[in-house]
């Protein structure tokens, strides 16, 4: 999933974005200067990524991937990425 997100709304307030489903959660928080992305396994274990926002940017590019067949998940913020191994939704 690819998102291009501005730090501020048109009125100037922080553009906090939260997306949540049964197994995944994403939070873009320009006030805290972080992006977090979590996945919940079938057993209840949570695999969470947390990356800082790059300084000096007004808009950020965020990429989240998950591939249970390959056994990996990734979070990329402004080109800085972190990849982790997962297996069938488990870390």
PDB file of N, CA and C in Angstrom:
ATOM      1  N   UNK A   1       0.839  -1.145   0.000  1.00  0.00           N
ATOM      2  CA  UNK A   1       0.000   0.000   0.000  1.00  0.00           C
ATOM      3  C   UNK A   1       0.899   1.227   0.000  1.00  0.00           C
ATOM      4  N   UNK A   2       0.602   2.182  -0.879  1.00  0.00           N
ATOM      5  CA  UNK A   2       1.376   3.422  -0.987  1.00  0.00           C
ATOM      6  C   UNK A   2       0.502   4.595  -0.589  1.00  0.00           C
ATOM      7  N   UNK A   3       1.036   5.478   0.257  1.00  0.00           N
ATOM      8  CA  UNK A   3       0.327   6.690   0.664  1.00  0.00           C
ATOM      9  C   UNK A   3       1.273   7.876   0.553  1.00  0.00           C
ATOM     10  N   UNK A   4       0.775   9.012   0.063  1.00  0.00           N
ATOM     11  CA  UNK A   4       1.496  10.285   0.080  1.00  0.00           C
ATOM     12  C   UNK A   4       0.687  11.193   1.002  1.00  0.00           C
ATOM     13  N   UNK A   5       1.265  11.541   2.153  1.00  0.00           N
ATOM     14  CA  UNK A   5       0.521  12.248   3.191  1.00  0.00           C
ATOM     15  C   UNK A   5       1.180  13.571   3.554  1.00  0.00           C
ATOM     16  N   UNK A   6       0.362  14.618   3.632  1.00  0.00           N
ATOM     17  CA  UNK A   6       0.827  15.925   4.087  1.00  0.00           C
ATOM     18  C   UNK A   6       0.825  15.959   5.606  1.00  0.00           C
ATOM     19  N   UNK A   7       1.770  16.713   6.186  1.00  0.00           N
ATOM     20  CA  UNK A   7       1.830  16.849   7.639  1.00  0.00           C
ATOM     21  C   UNK A   7       0.687  17.703   8.184  1.00  0.00           C
ATOM     22  N   UNK A   8       0.211  18.646   7.387  1.00  0.00           N
ATOM     23  CA  UNK A   8      -0.830  19.571   7.845  1.00  0.00           C
ATOM     24  C   UNK A   8      -2.065  19.494   6.957  1.00  0.00           C
ATOM     25  N   UNK A   9      -3.218  19.681   7.584  1.00  0.00           N
ATOM     26  CA  UNK A   9      -4.474  19.820   6.850  1.00  0.00           C
ATOM     27  C   UNK A   9      -4.527  21.229   6.279  1.00  0.00           C
ATOM     28  N   UNK A  10      -5.435  21.501   5.333  1.00  0.00           N
ATOM     29  CA  UNK A  10      -5.520  22.851   4.757  1.00  0.00           C
ATOM     30  C   UNK A  10      -5.699  23.965   5.800  1.00  0.00           C
ATOM     31  N   UNK A  11      -6.364  23.718   6.912  1.00  0.00           N
ATOM     32  CA  UNK A  11      -6.544  24.719   7.957  1.00  0.00           C
ATOM     33  C   UNK A  11      -5.338  24.880   8.867  1.00  0.00           C
ATOM     34  N   UNK A  12      -4.322  24.028   8.705  1.00  0.00           N
ATOM     35  CA  UNK A  12      -3.096  24.126   9.501  1.00  0.00           C
ATOM     36  C   UNK A  12      -2.980  23.134  10.641  1.00  0.00           C
ATOM     37  N   UNK A  13      -4.043  22.397  10.944  1.00  0.00           N
ATOM     38  CA  UNK A  13      -3.977  21.409  12.029  1.00  0.00           C
ATOM     39  C   UNK A  13      -3.205  20.165  11.567  1.00  0.00           C
ATOM     40  N   UNK A  14      -2.615  19.404  12.506  1.00  0.00           N
ATOM     41  CA  UNK A  14      -1.870  18.194  12.133  1.00  0.00           C
ATOM     42  C   UNK A  14      -2.770  17.184  11.408  1.00  0.00           C
ATOM     43  N   UNK A  15      -2.236  16.573  10.391  1.00  0.00           N
ATOM     44  CA  UNK A  15      -2.962  15.594   9.591  1.00  0.00           C
ATOM     45  C   UNK A  15      -2.704  14.183  10.139  1.00  0.00           C
ATOM     46  N   UNK A  16      -3.308  13.868  11.255  1.00  0.00           N
ATOM     47  CA  UNK A  16      -3.158  12.537  11.848  1.00  0.00           C
ATOM     48  C   UNK A  16      -4.049  11.573  11.068  1.00  0.00           C
ATOM     49  N   UNK A  17      -3.453  10.473  10.595  1.00  0.00           N
ATOM     50  CA  UNK A  17      -4.182   9.483   9.813  1.00  0.00           C
ATOM     51  C   UNK A  17      -4.061   8.140  10.515  1.00  0.00           C
ATOM     52  N   UNK A  18      -5.199   7.477  10.735  1.00  0.00           N
ATOM     53  CA  UNK A  18      -5.197   6.145  11.344  1.00  0.00           C
ATOM     54  C   UNK A  18      -6.074   5.228  10.506  1.00  0.00           C
ATOM     55  N   UNK A  19      -5.504   4.112  10.100  1.00  0.00           N
ATOM     56  CA  UNK A  19      -6.225   3.082   9.361  1.00  0.00           C
ATOM     57  C   UNK A  19      -6.137   1.798  10.172  1.00  0.00           C
ATOM     58  N   UNK A  20      -7.272   1.140  10.354  1.00  0.00           N
ATOM     59  CA  UNK A  20      -7.254  -0.070  11.180  1.00  0.00           C
ATOM     60  C   UNK A  20      -8.234  -1.095  10.642  1.00  0.00           C
ATOM     61  N   UNK A  21      -7.774  -2.330  10.609  1.00  0.00           N
ATOM     62  CA  UNK A  21      -8.602  -3.474  10.266  1.00  0.00           C
ATOM     63  C   UNK A  21      -8.484  -4.493  11.387  1.00  0.00           C
ATOM     64  N   UNK A  22      -8.928  -5.702  11.145  1.00  0.00           N
ATOM     65  CA  UNK A  22      -8.861  -6.726  12.186  1.00  0.00           C
ATOM     66  C   UNK A  22      -7.429  -7.163  12.485  1.00  0.00           C
ATOM     67  N   UNK A  23      -6.558  -7.178  11.471  1.00  0.00           N
ATOM     68  CA  UNK A  23      -5.196  -7.706  11.657  1.00  0.00           C
ATOM     69  C   UNK A  23      -4.090  -6.667  11.492  1.00  0.00           C
ATOM     70  N   UNK A  24      -4.419  -5.468  10.964  1.00  0.00           N
ATOM     71  CA  UNK A  24      -3.384  -4.475  10.701  1.00  0.00           C
ATOM     72  C   UNK A  24      -3.815  -3.099  11.201  1.00  0.00           C
ATOM     73  N   UNK A  25      -2.815  -2.285  11.576  1.00  0.00           N
ATOM     74  CA  UNK A  25      -3.072  -0.925  12.047  1.00  0.00           C
ATOM     75  C   UNK A  25      -1.948  -0.016  11.567  1.00  0.00           C
ATOM     76  N   UNK A  26      -2.322   1.171  11.081  1.00  0.00           N
ATOM     77  CA  UNK A  26      -1.379   2.157  10.580  1.00  0.00           C
ATOM     78  C   UNK A  26      -1.698   3.504  11.210  1.00  0.00           C
ATOM     79  N   UNK A  27      -0.657   4.218  11.682  1.00  0.00           N
ATOM     80  CA  UNK A  27      -0.846   5.558  12.238  1.00  0.00           C
ATOM     81  C   UNK A  27       0.256   6.476  11.702  1.00  0.00           C
ATOM     82  N   UNK A  28      -0.178   7.573  11.069  1.00  0.00           N
ATOM     83  CA  UNK A  28       0.706   8.649  10.625  1.00  0.00           C
ATOM     84  C   UNK A  28       0.450   9.799  11.586  1.00  0.00           C
ATOM     85  N   UNK A  29       1.459  10.154  12.393  1.00  0.00           N
ATOM     86  CA  UNK A  29       1.286  11.176  13.424  1.00  0.00           C
ATOM     87  C   UNK A  29       2.372  12.242  13.287  1.00  0.00           C
ATOM     88  N   UNK A  30       2.086  13.319  12.533  1.00  0.00           N
ATOM     89  CA  UNK A  30       3.103  14.354  12.353  1.00  0.00           C
ATOM     90  C   UNK A  30       3.425  15.115  13.639  1.00  0.00           C
ATOM     91  N   UNK A  31       2.516  15.151  14.602  1.00  0.00           N
ATOM     92  CA  UNK A  31       2.796  15.791  15.884  1.00  0.00           C
ATOM     93  C   UNK A  31       3.883  15.058  16.648  1.00  0.00           C
ATOM     94  N   UNK A  32       3.827  13.741  16.636  1.00  0.00           N
ATOM     95  CA  UNK A  32       4.843  12.906  17.284  1.00  0.00           C
ATOM     96  C   UNK A  32       6.020  12.619  16.353  1.00  0.00           C
ATOM     97  N   UNK A  33       5.884  13.023  15.071  1.00  0.00           N
ATOM     98  CA  UNK A  33       6.914  12.806  14.035  1.00  0.00           C
ATOM     99  C   UNK A  33       7.197  11.328  13.813  1.00  0.00           C
ATOM    100  N   UNK A  34       6.150  10.492  13.863  1.00  0.00           N
ATOM    101  CA  UNK A  34       6.328   9.050  13.670  1.00  0.00           C
ATOM    102  C   UNK A  34       5.262   8.465  12.746  1.00  0.00           C
ATOM    103  N   UNK A  35       5.636   7.334  12.180  1.00  0.00           N
ATOM    104  CA  UNK A  35       4.720   6.482  11.427  1.00  0.00           C
ATOM    105  C   UNK A  35       4.825   5.103  12.044  1.00  0.00           C
ATOM    106  N   UNK A  36       3.692   4.502  12.395  1.00  0.00           N
ATOM    107  CA  UNK A  36       3.733   3.137  12.929  1.00  0.00           C
ATOM    108  C   UNK A  36       2.807   2.244  12.119  1.00  0.00           C
ATOM    109  N   UNK A  37       3.186   0.991  12.048  1.00  0.00           N
ATOM    110  CA  UNK A  37       2.464  -0.004  11.272  1.00  0.00           C
ATOM    111  C   UNK A  37       2.570  -1.319  12.023  1.00  0.00           C
ATOM    112  N   UNK A  38       1.446  -1.906  12.358  1.00  0.00           N
ATOM    113  CA  UNK A  38       1.450  -3.148  13.113  1.00  0.00           C
ATOM    114  C   UNK A  38       0.583  -4.215  12.484  1.00  0.00           C
ATOM    115  N   UNK A  39       0.986  -5.436  12.702  1.00  0.00           N
ATOM    116  CA  UNK A  39       0.242  -6.604  12.223  1.00  0.00           C
ATOM    117  C   UNK A  39       0.025  -7.538  13.399  1.00  0.00           C
ATOM    118  N   UNK A  40      -1.168  -8.070  13.512  1.00  0.00           N
ATOM    119  CA  UNK A  40      -1.489  -9.013  14.580  1.00  0.00           C
ATOM    120  C   UNK A  40      -1.541 -10.427  14.006  1.00  0.00           C
ATOM    121  N   UNK A  41      -0.842 -11.340  14.650  1.00  0.00           N
ATOM    122  CA  UNK A  41      -0.832 -12.729  14.186  1.00  0.00           C
ATOM    123  C   UNK A  41      -2.082 -13.454  14.674  1.00  0.00           C
ATOM    124  N   UNK A  42      -2.293 -14.632  14.134  1.00  0.00           N
ATOM    125  CA  UNK A  42      -3.420 -15.460  14.565  1.00  0.00           C
ATOM    126  C   UNK A  42      -3.327 -15.794  16.051  1.00  0.00           C
ATOM    127  N   UNK A  43      -2.113 -15.865  16.573  1.00  0.00           N
ATOM    128  CA  UNK A  43      -1.918 -16.211  17.985  1.00  0.00           C
ATOM    129  C   UNK A  43      -2.023 -14.988  18.905  1.00  0.00           C
ATOM    130  N   UNK A  44      -2.179 -13.779  18.296  1.00  0.00           N
ATOM    131  CA  UNK A  44      -2.300 -12.569  19.092  1.00  0.00           C
ATOM    132  C   UNK A  44      -1.013 -11.781  19.223  1.00  0.00           C
ATOM    133  N   UNK A  45       0.107 -12.326  18.729  1.00  0.00           N
ATOM    134  CA  UNK A  45       1.400 -11.618  18.768  1.00  0.00           C
ATOM    135  C   UNK A  45       1.348 -10.434  17.804  1.00  0.00           C
ATOM    136  N   UNK A  46       1.931  -9.297  18.191  1.00  0.00           N
ATOM    137  CA  UNK A  46       1.925  -8.112  17.343  1.00  0.00           C
ATOM    138  C   UNK A  46       3.339  -7.818  16.852  1.00  0.00           C
ATOM    139  N   UNK A  47       3.471  -7.697  15.548  1.00  0.00           N
ATOM    140  CA  UNK A  47       4.712  -7.287  14.903  1.00  0.00           C
ATOM    141  C   UNK A  47       4.529  -5.807  14.578  1.00  0.00           C
ATOM    142  N   UNK A  48       5.332  -4.928  15.185  1.00  0.00           N
ATOM    143  CA  UNK A  48       5.141  -3.497  14.976  1.00  0.00           C
ATOM    144  C   UNK A  48       6.407  -2.822  14.468  1.00  0.00           C
ATOM    145  N   UNK A  49       6.211  -1.961  13.487  1.00  0.00           N
ATOM    146  CA  UNK A  49       7.264  -1.109  12.950  1.00  0.00           C
ATOM    147  C   UNK A  49       6.975   0.310  13.430  1.00  0.00           C
ATOM    148  N   UNK A  50       8.010   1.081  13.692  1.00  0.00           N
ATOM    149  CA  UNK A  50       7.851   2.493  14.021  1.00  0.00           C
ATOM    150  C   UNK A  50       9.041   3.236  13.432  1.00  0.00           C
ATOM    151  N   UNK A  51       8.756   4.215  12.568  1.00  0.00           N
ATOM    152  CA  UNK A  51       9.822   4.965  11.908  1.00  0.00           C
ATOM    153  C   UNK A  51       9.574   6.459  12.087  1.00  0.00           C
ATOM    154  N   UNK A  52      10.643   7.242  12.185  1.00  0.00           N
ATOM    155  CA  UNK A  52      10.482   8.691  12.310  1.00  0.00           C
ATOM    156  C   UNK A  52      10.182   9.337  10.952  1.00  0.00           C
ATOM    157  N   UNK A  53       9.521  10.477  10.998  1.00  0.00           N
ATOM    158  CA  UNK A  53       9.330  11.264   9.786  1.00  0.00           C
ATOM    159  C   UNK A  53      10.614  12.038   9.499  1.00  0.00           C
ATOM    160  N   UNK A  54      10.961  12.163   8.231  1.00  0.00           N
ATOM    161  CA  UNK A  54      12.155  12.903   7.830  1.00  0.00           C
ATOM    162  C   UNK A  54      11.955  14.382   8.128  1.00  0.00           C
ATOM    163  N   UNK A  55      12.985  15.057   8.643  1.00  0.00           N
ATOM    164  CA  UNK A  55      12.855  16.488   8.908  1.00  0.00           C
ATOM    165  C   UNK A  55      12.817  17.282   7.606  1.00  0.00           C
ATOM    166  N   UNK A  56      12.121  18.418   7.637  1.00  0.00           N
ATOM    167  CA  UNK A  56      12.115  19.313   6.501  1.00  0.00           C
ATOM    168  C   UNK A  56      11.153  18.944   5.383  1.00  0.00           C
ATOM    169  N   UNK A  57      10.380  17.892   5.555  1.00  0.00           N
ATOM    170  CA  UNK A  57       9.418  17.495   4.539  1.00  0.00           C
ATOM    171  C   UNK A  57       8.031  17.982   4.960  1.00  0.00           C
ATOM    172  N   UNK A  58       7.213  18.412   4.010  1.00  0.00           N
ATOM    173  CA  UNK A  58       5.824  18.744   4.299  1.00  0.00           C
ATOM    174  C   UNK A  58       4.907  17.606   3.893  1.00  0.00           C
ATOM    175  N   UNK A  59       5.385  16.803   2.938  1.00  0.00           N
ATOM    176  CA  UNK A  59       4.627  15.649   2.457  1.00  0.00           C
ATOM    177  C   UNK A  59       5.539  14.429   2.531  1.00  0.00           C
ATOM    178  N   UNK A  60       4.966  13.299   2.921  1.00  0.00           N
ATOM    179  CA  UNK A  60       5.764  12.085   3.119  1.00  0.00           C
ATOM    180  C   UNK A  60       5.213  10.935   2.284  1.00  0.00           C
ATOM    181  N   UNK A  61       6.122  10.122   1.792  1.00  0.00           N
ATOM    182  CA  UNK A  61       5.756   8.914   1.047  1.00  0.00           C
ATOM    183  C   UNK A  61       5.923   7.718   1.962  1.00  0.00           C
ATOM    184  N   UNK A  62       4.833   6.969   2.118  1.00  0.00           N
ATOM    185  CA  UNK A  62       4.820   5.816   3.014  1.00  0.00           C
ATOM    186  C   UNK A  62       4.411   4.580   2.216  1.00  0.00           C
ATOM    187  N   UNK A  63       5.179   3.507   2.369  1.00  0.00           N
ATOM    188  CA  UNK A  63       4.853   2.238   1.714  1.00  0.00           C
ATOM    189  C   UNK A  63       4.820   1.154   2.774  1.00  0.00           C
ATOM    190  N   UNK A  64       3.719   0.396   2.792  1.00  0.00           N
ATOM    191  CA  UNK A  64       3.575  -0.759   3.689  1.00  0.00           C
ATOM    192  C   UNK A  64       3.355  -1.980   2.819  1.00  0.00           C
ATOM    193  N   UNK A  65       4.107  -3.020   3.079  1.00  0.00           N
ATOM    194  CA  UNK A  65       3.905  -4.268   2.342  1.00  0.00           C
ATOM    195  C   UNK A  65       3.839  -5.434   3.316  1.00  0.00           C
ATOM    196  N   UNK A  66       3.145  -6.476   2.910  1.00  0.00           N
ATOM    197  CA  UNK A  66       3.122  -7.717   3.658  1.00  0.00           C
ATOM    198  C   UNK A  66       2.907  -8.828   2.657  1.00  0.00           C
ATOM    199  N   UNK A  67       3.652  -9.884   2.819  1.00  0.00           N
ATOM    200  CA  UNK A  67       3.562 -11.026   1.910  1.00  0.00           C
ATOM    201  C   UNK A  67       3.744 -12.288   2.738  1.00  0.00           C
ATOM    202  N   UNK A  68       2.640 -12.930   3.055  1.00  0.00           N
ATOM    203  CA  UNK A  68       2.704 -14.139   3.874  1.00  0.00           C
ATOM    204  C   UNK A  68       3.398 -15.277   3.133  1.00  0.00           C
ATOM    205  N   UNK A  69       3.273 -15.340   1.787  1.00  0.00           N
ATOM    206  CA  UNK A  69       3.947 -16.397   1.030  1.00  0.00           C
ATOM    207  C   UNK A  69       5.459 -16.267   1.124  1.00  0.00           C
ATOM    208  N   UNK A  70       5.973 -15.041   0.994  1.00  0.00           N
ATOM    209  CA  UNK A  70       7.416 -14.807   1.105  1.00  0.00           C
ATOM    210  C   UNK A  70       7.860 -14.738   2.555  1.00  0.00           C
ATOM    211  N   UNK A  71       6.903 -14.535   3.462  1.00  0.00           N
ATOM    212  CA  UNK A  71       7.238 -14.470   4.883  1.00  0.00           C
ATOM    213  C   UNK A  71       7.909 -13.176   5.286  1.00  0.00           C
ATOM    214  N   UNK A  72       7.451 -12.037   4.714  1.00  0.00           N
ATOM    215  CA  UNK A  72       8.062 -10.770   5.076  1.00  0.00           C
ATOM    216  C   UNK A  72       7.056  -9.623   5.050  1.00  0.00           C
ATOM    217  N   UNK A  73       7.378  -8.580   5.825  1.00  0.00           N
ATOM    218  CA  UNK A  73       6.609  -7.344   5.860  1.00  0.00           C
ATOM    219  C   UNK A  73       7.602  -6.199   5.855  1.00  0.00           C
ATOM    220  N   UNK A  74       7.148  -5.020   5.392  1.00  0.00           N
ATOM    221  CA  UNK A  74       8.056  -3.889   5.270  1.00  0.00           C
ATOM    222  C   UNK A  74       7.313  -2.578   5.500  1.00  0.00           C
ATOM    223  N   UNK A  75       8.002  -1.614   6.105  1.00  0.00           N
ATOM    224  CA  UNK A  75       7.526  -0.236   6.209  1.00  0.00           C
ATOM    225  C   UNK A  75       8.622   0.665   5.663  1.00  0.00           C
ATOM    226  N   UNK A  76       8.249   1.541   4.738  1.00  0.00           N
ATOM    227  CA  UNK A  76       9.178   2.512   4.170  1.00  0.00           C
ATOM    228  C   UNK A  76       8.589   3.905   4.364  1.00  0.00           C
ATOM    229  N   UNK A  77       9.410   4.828   4.882  1.00  0.00           N
ATOM    230  CA  UNK A  77       9.004   6.217   5.057  1.00  0.00           C
ATOM    231  C   UNK A  77      10.056   7.093   4.380  1.00  0.00           C
ATOM    232  N   UNK A  78       9.639   7.806   3.345  1.00  0.00           N
ATOM    233  CA  UNK A  78      10.532   8.696   2.605  1.00  0.00           C
ATOM    234  C   UNK A  78      11.803   7.981   2.136  1.00  0.00           C
ATOM    235  N   UNK A  79      11.665   6.735   1.723  1.00  0.00           N
ATOM    236  CA  UNK A  79      12.789   5.975   1.186  1.00  0.00           C
ATOM    237  C   UNK A  79      13.604   5.198   2.203  1.00  0.00           C
ATOM    238  N   UNK A  80      13.379   5.431   3.479  1.00  0.00           N
ATOM    239  CA  UNK A  80      14.069   4.671   4.525  1.00  0.00           C
ATOM    240  C   UNK A  80      13.176   3.500   4.919  1.00  0.00           C
ATOM    241  N   UNK A  81      13.665   2.276   4.708  1.00  0.00           N
ATOM    242  CA  UNK A  81      12.787   1.133   4.950  1.00  0.00           C
ATOM    243  C   UNK A  81      13.347   0.159   5.974  1.00  0.00           C
ATOM    244  N   UNK A  82      12.403  -0.592   6.501  1.00  0.00           N
ATOM    245  CA  UNK A  82      12.737  -1.675   7.435  1.00  0.00           C
ATOM    246  C   UNK A  82      11.931  -2.889   7.007  1.00  0.00           C
ATOM    247  N   UNK A  83      12.592  -4.022   6.926  1.00  0.00           N
ATOM    248  CA  UNK A  83      11.943  -5.270   6.520  1.00  0.00           C
ATOM    249  C   UNK A  83      12.110  -6.282   7.647  1.00  0.00           C
ATOM    250  N   UNK A  84      11.055  -7.061   7.878  1.00  0.00           N
ATOM    251  CA  UNK A  84      11.128  -8.113   8.895  1.00  0.00           C
ATOM    252  C   UNK A  84      10.519  -9.396   8.359  1.00  0.00           C
ATOM    253  N   UNK A  85      10.985 -10.480   8.921  1.00  0.00           N
ATOM    254  CA  UNK A  85      10.462 -11.791   8.559  1.00  0.00           C
ATOM    255  C   UNK A  85       9.189 -12.085   9.344  1.00  0.00           C
ATOM    256  N   UNK A  86       8.227 -12.644   8.660  1.00  0.00           N
ATOM    257  CA  UNK A  86       7.003 -13.157   9.290  1.00  0.00           C
ATOM    258  C   UNK A  86       6.745 -14.531   8.704  1.00  0.00           C
ATOM    259  N   UNK A  87       5.935 -15.305   9.354  1.00  0.00           N
ATOM    260  CA  UNK A  87       5.572 -16.624   8.840  1.00  0.00           C
ATOM    261  C   UNK A  87       4.119 -16.892   9.184  1.00  0.00           C
ATOM    262  N   UNK A  88       3.287 -16.936   8.178  1.00  0.00           N
ATOM    263  CA  UNK A  88       1.861 -17.177   8.379  1.00  0.00           C
ATOM    264  C   UNK A  88       1.243 -16.243   9.413  1.00  0.00           C
ATOM    265  N   UNK A  89       1.640 -14.937   9.335  1.00  0.00           N
ATOM    266  CA  UNK A  89       1.104 -13.969  10.268  1.00  0.00           C
ATOM    267  C   UNK A  89       1.783 -13.979  11.617  1.00  0.00           C
ATOM    268  N   UNK A  90       2.866 -14.729  11.738  1.00  0.00           N
ATOM    269  CA  UNK A  90       3.595 -14.803  13.010  1.00  0.00           C
ATOM    270  C   UNK A  90       5.012 -14.310  12.798  1.00  0.00           C
ATOM    271  N   UNK A  91       5.564 -13.648  13.790  1.00  0.00           N
ATOM    272  CA  UNK A  91       6.937 -13.150  13.691  1.00  0.00           C
ATOM    273  C   UNK A  91       7.905 -14.296  13.876  1.00  0.00           C
TER     274      UNK A  91
END
